[in-house]
Amino acid sequence: MTGLTNALVRTYDIGGPVVALLIAVGVVTIAVIFYKIWQFWAAGVGRHRALQQAITSFDAGDRTAARAALDRSTSYLAPVMDIALSAPDRPEALTRITSEAETRFAKLERGLRLLDSVAQLAPLLGLFGTVLGMIEAFQSLQAAGSQVDPTLLAGGIWVALLTTAVGLAVAMPTAVALSWFESRMDAERVLAEQAISTIRAPIGLQQPAPAPMGRFADA
């Protein structure tokens, strides 16, 4: 613990408050990413085999098999589909299905806006720290007057560039994680839309076309 504290203090002394802020943002971001991974796993995101079987059975007109498959599902969308199977022919039920699905999507998407903000602002914050560091380096160079030491300028520049490096180190993994979360949510929405469309117009319950009458019946 003492070593970690000393490392943080040394980092603050080298990079200044901007690096310290970026490190704090990075710690919070890592916590959010791990929480979202746990939340997706606990909700069963991507694990909809039983739910898809229920949708397929309902589409084929077998509501008993659809109900049995739905009872086996551990997906967070199972309660939504339960409402749909209970009243598939009521228009108000379809409205409630959409509302319930969006409520669950909003819960899963909570925190993604923070990740998006970090991915966009961390490089800018690092660049801001670099600009401040360069200003400080040139001020030191000016104060040195004719006794210019190249190492003084070089040291100030690498310290200034450190903030940009830290900002990019925070932003790049965050952007990758955000892209993965958003791709999973897009797939979840496609599945929900497919389920709602199937319940609204199942193929298995469509009436067959009437047989031709009259002299065209045997044609």
Protein backbone atom coordinates (compact mmCIF):
# COMPACT_ATOMS: atom_id res chain seq x y z
CA MET A 1 0.00 0.00 0.00
CA THR A 2 2.86 2.34 0.81
CA GLY A 3 4.51 1.56 -2.53
CA LEU A 4 1.30 2.35 -4.39
CA THR A 5 0.94 5.63 -2.52
CA ASN A 6 4.53 6.58 -3.30
CA ALA A 7 4.01 5.74 -6.97
CA LEU A 8 0.91 7.94 -7.14
CA VAL A 9 2.71 10.80 -5.41
CA ARG A 10 5.64 10.48 -7.81
CA THR A 11 3.29 10.43 -10.79
CA TYR A 12 1.59 13.56 -9.50
CA ASP A 13 4.96 15.27 -9.02
CA ILE A 14 6.02 14.41 -12.58
CA GLY A 15 2.82 14.91 -14.52
CA GLY A 16 1.00 17.40 -12.36
CA PRO A 17 -2.70 17.60 -11.56
CA VAL A 18 -3.80 16.72 -15.11
CA VAL A 19 -2.13 13.30 -14.95
CA ALA A 20 -3.55 12.74 -11.48
CA LEU A 21 -7.03 13.59 -12.79
CA LEU A 22 -6.60 11.24 -15.76
CA ILE A 23 -5.50 8.43 -13.47
CA ALA A 24 -8.58 8.99 -11.29
CA VAL A 25 -10.78 8.98 -14.40
CA GLY A 26 -9.10 5.79 -15.54
CA VAL A 27 -9.79 4.05 -12.23
CA VAL A 28 -13.46 5.05 -12.36
CA THR A 29 -13.69 3.92 -15.99
CA ILE A 30 -12.22 0.50 -15.19
CA ALA A 31 -14.74 0.10 -12.37
CA VAL A 32 -17.62 0.99 -14.70
CA ILE A 33 -16.41 -1.42 -17.39
CA PHE A 34 -16.17 -4.33 -14.96
CA TYR A 35 -19.59 -3.46 -13.54
CA LYS A 36 -21.13 -3.43 -17.02
CA ILE A 37 -19.53 -6.79 -17.84
CA TRP A 38 -21.01 -8.26 -14.66
CA GLN A 39 -24.39 -6.65 -15.38
CA PHE A 40 -24.49 -8.04 -18.93
CA TRP A 41 -23.54 -11.48 -17.66
CA ALA A 42 -26.13 -11.43 -14.85
CA ALA A 43 -28.87 -10.30 -17.24
CA GLY A 44 -28.04 -13.04 -19.72
CA VAL A 45 -27.17 -10.72 -22.58
CA GLY A 46 -26.47 -12.84 -25.64
CA ARG A 47 -27.84 -16.01 -24.00
CA HIS A 48 -31.29 -16.30 -25.56
CA ARG A 49 -31.43 -19.87 -26.86
CA ALA A 50 -34.57 -20.82 -24.94
CA LEU A 51 -36.14 -17.47 -25.77
CA GLN A 52 -35.47 -17.95 -29.47
CA GLN A 53 -36.97 -21.44 -29.27
CA ALA A 54 -40.08 -19.91 -27.74
CA ILE A 55 -40.31 -17.38 -30.55
CA THR A 56 -39.83 -20.08 -33.20
CA SER A 57 -42.51 -22.29 -31.63
CA PHE A 58 -44.93 -19.39 -31.38
CA ASP A 59 -44.26 -18.51 -35.01
CA ALA A 60 -45.11 -22.09 -35.95
CA GLY A 61 -48.39 -21.86 -34.03
CA ASP A 62 -47.37 -24.14 -31.16
CA ARG A 63 -48.11 -22.01 -28.10
CA THR A 64 -47.66 -24.90 -25.68
CA ALA A 65 -44.09 -25.47 -26.81
CA ALA A 66 -43.50 -21.73 -26.82
CA ARG A 67 -44.64 -21.47 -23.22
CA ALA A 68 -42.48 -24.43 -22.17
CA ALA A 69 -39.39 -22.93 -23.82
CA LEU A 70 -40.08 -19.55 -22.27
CA ASP A 71 -40.29 -21.10 -18.81
CA ARG A 72 -36.76 -22.45 -19.29
CA SER A 73 -35.34 -19.09 -20.33
CA THR A 74 -33.15 -17.08 -17.94
CA SER A 75 -33.01 -14.07 -20.25
CA TYR A 76 -33.92 -10.64 -18.93
CA LEU A 77 -36.33 -10.41 -21.88
CA ALA A 78 -38.29 -13.48 -20.70
CA PRO A 79 -40.81 -11.41 -18.65
CA VAL A 80 -41.40 -9.22 -21.70
CA MET A 81 -42.10 -12.22 -23.89
CA ASP A 82 -44.34 -13.65 -21.15
CA ILE A 83 -46.56 -10.59 -21.47
CA ALA A 84 -46.59 -11.07 -25.23
CA LEU A 85 -47.56 -14.73 -25.07
CA SER A 86 -50.28 -14.03 -22.52
CA ALA A 87 -52.10 -11.55 -24.76
CA PRO A 88 -50.74 -11.73 -28.30
CA ASP A 89 -53.95 -10.43 -29.91
CA ARG A 90 -54.38 -7.29 -27.80
CA PRO A 91 -52.93 -4.10 -29.35
CA GLU A 92 -52.42 -2.49 -25.94
CA ALA A 93 -50.31 -5.49 -24.90
CA LEU A 94 -47.93 -4.87 -27.81
CA THR A 95 -47.50 -1.28 -26.67
CA ARG A 96 -46.65 -2.47 -23.19
CA ILE A 97 -44.20 -5.03 -24.60
CA THR A 98 -42.28 -2.28 -26.38
CA SER A 99 -42.27 -0.13 -23.27
CA GLU A 100 -41.05 -2.97 -21.04
CA ALA A 101 -38.28 -3.87 -23.48
CA GLU A 102 -37.09 -0.26 -23.71
CA THR A 103 -37.04 -0.03 -19.91
CA ARG A 104 -34.72 -3.02 -19.72
CA PHE A 105 -32.53 -1.69 -22.51
CA ALA A 106 -32.22 1.66 -20.73
CA LYS A 107 -31.06 -0.12 -17.58
CA LEU A 108 -28.39 -2.03 -19.49
CA GLU A 109 -27.25 1.11 -21.32
CA ARG A 110 -26.83 3.07 -18.09
CA GLY A 111 -23.18 4.08 -17.78
CA LEU A 112 -22.41 3.89 -21.49
CA ARG A 113 -22.76 7.66 -21.79
CA LEU A 114 -20.01 8.03 -19.19
CA LEU A 115 -17.72 5.72 -21.18
CA ASP A 116 -18.46 7.71 -24.32
CA SER A 117 -17.58 10.96 -22.55
CA VAL A 118 -14.31 9.51 -21.24
CA ALA A 119 -13.34 8.19 -24.69
CA GLN A 120 -13.86 11.65 -26.20
CA LEU A 121 -12.57 13.90 -23.42
CA ALA A 122 -9.53 11.97 -22.13
CA PRO A 123 -7.36 12.78 -25.19
CA LEU A 124 -8.43 16.42 -25.04
CA LEU A 125 -7.61 16.57 -21.35
CA GLY A 126 -4.21 15.04 -22.07
CA LEU A 127 -3.60 17.59 -24.81
CA PHE A 128 -4.60 20.35 -22.43
CA GLY A 129 -2.00 19.11 -19.95
CA THR A 130 0.59 19.02 -22.73
CA VAL A 131 -0.12 22.63 -23.65
CA LEU A 132 0.21 23.69 -20.02
CA GLY A 133 3.47 21.75 -19.73
CA MET A 134 4.89 23.34 -22.87
CA ILE A 135 4.02 26.79 -21.58
CA GLU A 136 5.80 26.01 -18.31
CA ALA A 137 8.84 24.63 -20.20
CA PHE A 138 9.20 27.74 -22.35
CA GLN A 139 8.76 29.97 -19.31
CA SER A 140 11.65 28.13 -17.65
CA LEU A 141 13.69 28.54 -20.83
CA GLN A 142 12.98 32.26 -20.88
CA ALA A 143 13.90 32.62 -17.23
CA ALA A 144 17.24 30.93 -17.90
CA GLY A 145 18.19 33.77 -20.23
CA SER A 146 21.53 33.28 -21.93
CA GLN A 147 22.36 30.31 -19.72
CA VAL A 148 20.18 27.98 -21.76
CA ASP A 149 20.45 24.32 -20.86
CA PRO A 150 19.02 22.02 -23.58
CA THR A 151 18.24 19.38 -20.96
CA LEU A 152 15.94 21.86 -19.23
CA LEU A 153 13.81 22.21 -22.38
CA ALA A 154 13.93 18.49 -23.18
CA GLY A 155 12.87 17.57 -19.67
CA GLY A 156 9.95 19.99 -19.78
CA ILE A 157 8.80 18.66 -23.16
CA TRP A 158 8.75 14.98 -22.19
CA VAL A 159 6.90 15.76 -19.00
CA ALA A 160 4.38 17.76 -21.02
CA LEU A 161 3.92 14.94 -23.53
CA LEU A 162 3.33 12.51 -20.67
CA THR A 163 -0.18 13.88 -20.19
CA THR A 164 -1.07 13.19 -23.82
CA ALA A 165 0.21 9.64 -23.50
CA VAL A 166 -1.83 9.06 -20.34
CA GLY A 167 -4.93 10.56 -21.97
CA LEU A 168 -4.61 8.22 -24.95
CA ALA A 169 -3.95 5.26 -22.64
CA VAL A 170 -7.23 5.99 -20.88
CA ALA A 171 -9.26 6.75 -24.02
CA MET A 172 -8.31 3.82 -26.29
CA PRO A 173 -9.37 0.89 -24.05
CA THR A 174 -12.49 2.83 -23.11
CA ALA A 175 -13.42 3.26 -26.78
CA VAL A 176 -12.91 -0.46 -27.43
CA ALA A 177 -15.06 -1.44 -24.45
CA LEU A 178 -17.77 1.04 -25.43
CA SER A 179 -17.84 -0.31 -28.99
CA TRP A 180 -18.31 -3.87 -27.66
CA PHE A 181 -21.10 -2.87 -25.29
CA GLU A 182 -22.92 -0.94 -28.03
CA SER A 183 -22.62 -3.84 -30.48
CA ARG A 184 -24.15 -6.18 -27.90
CA MET A 185 -27.03 -3.78 -27.30
CA ASP A 186 -27.65 -3.46 -31.04
CA ALA A 187 -27.94 -7.25 -31.25
CA GLU A 188 -30.34 -7.26 -28.29
CA ARG A 189 -32.58 -4.69 -29.96
CA VAL A 190 -32.64 -6.69 -33.19
CA LEU A 191 -33.71 -9.78 -31.24
CA ALA A 192 -36.46 -7.87 -29.42
CA GLU A 193 -37.77 -6.35 -32.66
CA GLN A 194 -37.80 -9.77 -34.29
CA ALA A 195 -39.72 -11.22 -31.34
CA ILE A 196 -42.30 -8.43 -31.37
CA SER A 197 -42.79 -8.76 -35.14
CA THR A 198 -43.24 -12.52 -34.80
CA ILE A 199 -45.82 -12.16 -32.03
CA ARG A 200 -47.65 -9.50 -33.98
CA ALA A 201 -47.88 -11.58 -37.17
CA PRO A 202 -46.98 -15.27 -36.59
CA ILE A 203 -46.78 -17.37 -39.73
CA GLY A 204 -48.31 -20.43 -38.10
CA LEU A 205 -51.53 -18.62 -37.20
CA GLN A 206 -52.13 -17.09 -40.61
CA GLN A 207 -55.23 -18.37 -42.33
CA PRO A 208 -54.66 -20.34 -45.55
CA ALA A 209 -55.93 -18.84 -48.74
CA PRO A 210 -59.48 -20.02 -49.66
CA ALA A 211 -59.75 -22.70 -52.34
CA PRO A 212 -60.87 -21.50 -55.78
CA MET A 213 -64.58 -21.96 -56.49
CA GLY A 214 -66.58 -22.80 -59.58
CA ARG A 215 -65.15 -24.00 -62.86
CA PHE A 216 -61.63 -22.85 -61.91
CA ALA A 217 -61.46 -25.31 -58.97
CA ASP A 218 -60.08 -28.16 -61.06
CA ALA A 219 -57.88 -26.05 -63.31
